[in-house]
N, C-alpha and C. Protein backbone atom coordinates (compact mmCIF):
# COMPACT_ATOMS: atom_id res chain seq x y z
N UNK A 1 -68.68 -85.02 56.54
CA UNK A 1 -69.64 -83.87 56.89
C UNK A 1 -71.03 -83.68 56.87
N UNK A 2 -71.20 -84.00 55.60
CA UNK A 2 -72.47 -83.75 55.02
C UNK A 2 -73.66 -84.66 55.84
N UNK A 3 -73.17 -85.66 56.12
CA UNK A 3 -74.34 -86.44 57.14
C UNK A 3 -74.73 -85.55 58.31
N UNK A 4 -73.52 -84.93 59.03
CA UNK A 4 -73.76 -84.31 60.26
C UNK A 4 -74.49 -83.03 59.92
N UNK A 5 -74.26 -82.42 58.91
CA UNK A 5 -75.46 -81.43 58.53
C UNK A 5 -76.67 -81.83 58.16
N UNK A 6 -76.72 -82.83 57.80
CA UNK A 6 -78.39 -83.45 57.60
C UNK A 6 -79.05 -84.12 58.93
N UNK A 7 -78.15 -84.61 59.81
CA UNK A 7 -78.62 -84.84 61.31
C UNK A 7 -78.79 -83.91 62.01
N UNK A 8 -78.09 -82.71 61.97
CA UNK A 8 -78.29 -81.24 62.39
C UNK A 8 -79.49 -80.72 62.14
N UNK A 9 -79.59 -80.86 61.23
CA UNK A 9 -81.16 -80.23 60.33
C UNK A 9 -82.18 -81.13 61.21
N UNK A 10 -82.28 -82.13 60.92
CA UNK A 10 -83.35 -83.01 61.44
C UNK A 10 -83.59 -82.76 62.81
N UNK A 11 -82.62 -82.68 63.48
CA UNK A 11 -82.91 -82.51 64.95
C UNK A 11 -83.53 -80.90 65.26
N UNK A 12 -82.75 -80.21 64.57
CA UNK A 12 -83.63 -78.86 64.61
C UNK A 12 -84.90 -78.93 64.20
N UNK A 13 -85.37 -79.27 63.19
CA UNK A 13 -86.65 -79.60 62.67
C UNK A 13 -87.76 -80.37 64.06
N UNK A 14 -87.02 -81.63 64.68
CA UNK A 14 -87.84 -82.15 65.74
C UNK A 14 -87.76 -80.76 66.79
N UNK A 15 -86.79 -80.71 67.20
CA UNK A 15 -87.21 -79.60 68.00
C UNK A 15 -88.04 -78.27 67.95
N UNK A 16 -88.10 -77.92 66.83
CA UNK A 16 -88.84 -76.65 66.34
C UNK A 16 -91.04 -77.44 66.63
N UNK A 17 -91.10 -78.67 66.13
CA UNK A 17 -91.89 -79.26 66.23
C UNK A 17 -92.37 -79.64 67.61
N UNK A 18 -91.40 -80.07 68.59
CA UNK A 18 -91.40 -79.93 70.27
C UNK A 18 -92.18 -78.68 70.71
N UNK A 19 -91.42 -77.76 70.26
CA UNK A 19 -91.90 -76.21 70.85
C UNK A 19 -93.29 -75.94 70.29
N UNK A 20 -93.42 -76.19 68.87
CA UNK A 20 -95.00 -75.89 68.48
C UNK A 20 -95.74 -76.78 69.41
N UNK A 21 -95.95 -78.11 69.53
CA UNK A 21 -96.22 -78.95 70.42
C UNK A 21 -96.61 -78.57 72.07
N UNK A 22 -95.82 -77.64 72.34
CA UNK A 22 -95.60 -77.06 73.57
C UNK A 22 -96.34 -76.25 73.26
N UNK A 23 -96.35 -75.13 72.83
CA UNK A 23 -97.19 -73.77 72.55
C UNK A 23 -98.63 -74.13 72.74
N UNK A 24 -98.91 -75.40 71.57
CA UNK A 24 -100.29 -75.61 71.46
C UNK A 24 -100.85 -76.01 72.85
N UNK A 25 -100.41 -76.77 73.75
CA UNK A 25 -100.75 -77.14 74.79
C UNK A 25 -100.53 -76.03 75.92
N UNK A 26 -99.95 -74.99 75.97
CA UNK A 26 -99.78 -74.06 77.04
C UNK A 26 -101.19 -72.94 76.38
N UNK A 27 -101.48 -72.98 75.61
CA UNK A 27 -102.69 -72.03 75.03
C UNK A 27 -103.67 -72.97 75.13
N UNK A 28 -104.14 -74.21 75.05
CA UNK A 28 -105.19 -74.90 75.64
C UNK A 28 -105.27 -74.62 76.80
N UNK A 29 -104.68 -74.81 77.83
CA UNK A 29 -104.33 -74.49 79.16
C UNK A 29 -105.10 -73.05 79.48
N UNK A 30 -104.57 -72.21 78.51
CA UNK A 30 -104.99 -70.76 78.88
C UNK A 30 -106.12 -70.34 78.60
N UNK A 31 -106.58 -71.14 77.49
CA UNK A 31 -108.41 -71.17 77.06
C UNK A 31 -109.04 -71.81 77.80
N UNK A 32 -108.54 -72.78 78.63
CA UNK A 32 -109.40 -73.47 79.82
C UNK A 32 -109.55 -72.85 81.08
N UNK A 33 -108.67 -71.74 81.23
CA UNK A 33 -108.79 -70.93 82.43
C UNK A 33 -110.04 -70.20 82.45
N UNK A 34 -110.54 -69.98 83.75
CA UNK A 34 -112.16 -69.28 84.26
C UNK A 34 -111.73 -68.20 84.07
N UNK A 35 -112.69 -67.33 83.75
CA UNK A 35 -112.73 -65.73 84.03
C UNK A 35 -111.92 -64.81 85.14
N UNK A 36 -112.14 -65.56 85.85
CA UNK A 36 -111.37 -65.17 87.57
C UNK A 36 -110.18 -65.16 86.99
N UNK A 37 -109.55 -66.72 87.01
CA UNK A 37 -108.25 -66.99 86.90
C UNK A 37 -107.44 -65.95 85.91
N UNK A 38 -108.09 -66.12 84.69
CA UNK A 38 -107.41 -65.16 83.65
C UNK A 38 -107.09 -63.42 84.15
N UNK A 39 -108.42 -63.22 84.68
CA UNK A 39 -108.45 -61.92 85.51
C UNK A 39 -107.12 -62.08 86.60
N UNK A 40 -106.93 -62.67 87.28
CA UNK A 40 -105.83 -63.03 88.02
C UNK A 40 -104.32 -62.16 87.88
N UNK A 41 -103.79 -62.62 86.30
CA UNK A 41 -102.95 -62.03 85.44
C UNK A 41 -103.19 -61.18 84.25
N UNK A 42 -104.54 -60.19 84.63
CA UNK A 42 -104.69 -59.12 83.93
C UNK A 42 -104.67 -59.69 82.22
N UNK A 43 -105.67 -60.76 81.80
CA UNK A 43 -105.75 -61.18 80.61
C UNK A 43 -107.47 -61.52 80.57
N UNK A 44 -107.56 -60.98 79.43
CA UNK A 44 -109.05 -60.98 79.06
C UNK A 44 -109.89 -62.27 78.25
N UNK A 45 -110.79 -62.84 78.66
CA UNK A 45 -111.34 -63.89 77.92
C UNK A 45 -110.95 -63.60 76.39
N UNK A 46 -110.92 -62.44 75.81
CA UNK A 46 -110.94 -62.01 74.24
C UNK A 46 -109.45 -62.54 74.11
N UNK A 47 -108.39 -61.44 75.04
CA UNK A 47 -107.18 -61.92 74.75
C UNK A 47 -106.69 -63.18 74.74
N UNK A 48 -107.52 -64.22 75.62
CA UNK A 48 -107.12 -65.70 75.96
C UNK A 48 -107.48 -66.44 74.41
N UNK A 49 -108.78 -66.01 74.03
CA UNK A 49 -109.24 -66.42 72.66
C UNK A 49 -108.31 -66.24 71.48
N UNK A 50 -107.85 -64.86 71.43
CA UNK A 50 -106.86 -64.77 70.29
C UNK A 50 -105.24 -65.50 70.58
N UNK A 51 -104.65 -65.77 71.88
CA UNK A 51 -103.87 -66.38 72.20
C UNK A 51 -104.03 -67.79 71.53
N UNK A 52 -105.21 -68.36 71.80
CA UNK A 52 -105.51 -69.86 71.66
C UNK A 52 -105.61 -69.86 70.20
N UNK A 53 -105.88 -69.06 69.10
CA UNK A 53 -106.20 -69.41 67.91
C UNK A 53 -105.09 -68.90 67.04
N UNK A 54 -103.79 -68.40 67.70
CA UNK A 54 -102.70 -68.03 67.00
C UNK A 54 -102.20 -69.40 66.67
N UNK A 55 -101.96 -69.29 65.36
CA UNK A 55 -100.93 -70.62 64.92
C UNK A 55 -99.26 -70.81 65.23
N UNK A 56 -99.38 -71.97 65.60
CA UNK A 56 -98.15 -72.35 66.58
C UNK A 56 -97.10 -71.76 65.93
N UNK A 57 -96.40 -71.16 65.27
CA UNK A 57 -95.33 -71.05 64.38
C UNK A 57 -95.23 -69.42 64.86
N UNK A 58 -96.12 -68.67 65.32
CA UNK A 58 -96.23 -67.56 66.04
C UNK A 58 -95.87 -67.38 67.23
N UNK A 59 -95.10 -66.96 67.94
CA UNK A 59 -94.55 -67.07 69.13
C UNK A 59 -95.10 -66.37 70.26
């Protein structure tokens, strides 16, 4: 039973890292948008910059 818990813990950690990688990728895409594209969904350049610089562990 202890081995299963260890494997579950490793799997959860890997899943978490994958979420962080995806967040970073999405934030990079947001930062790369033009001001016009950002304004299409009511996001300013300053808000995009804040999101880009937010730590990945903060959703």
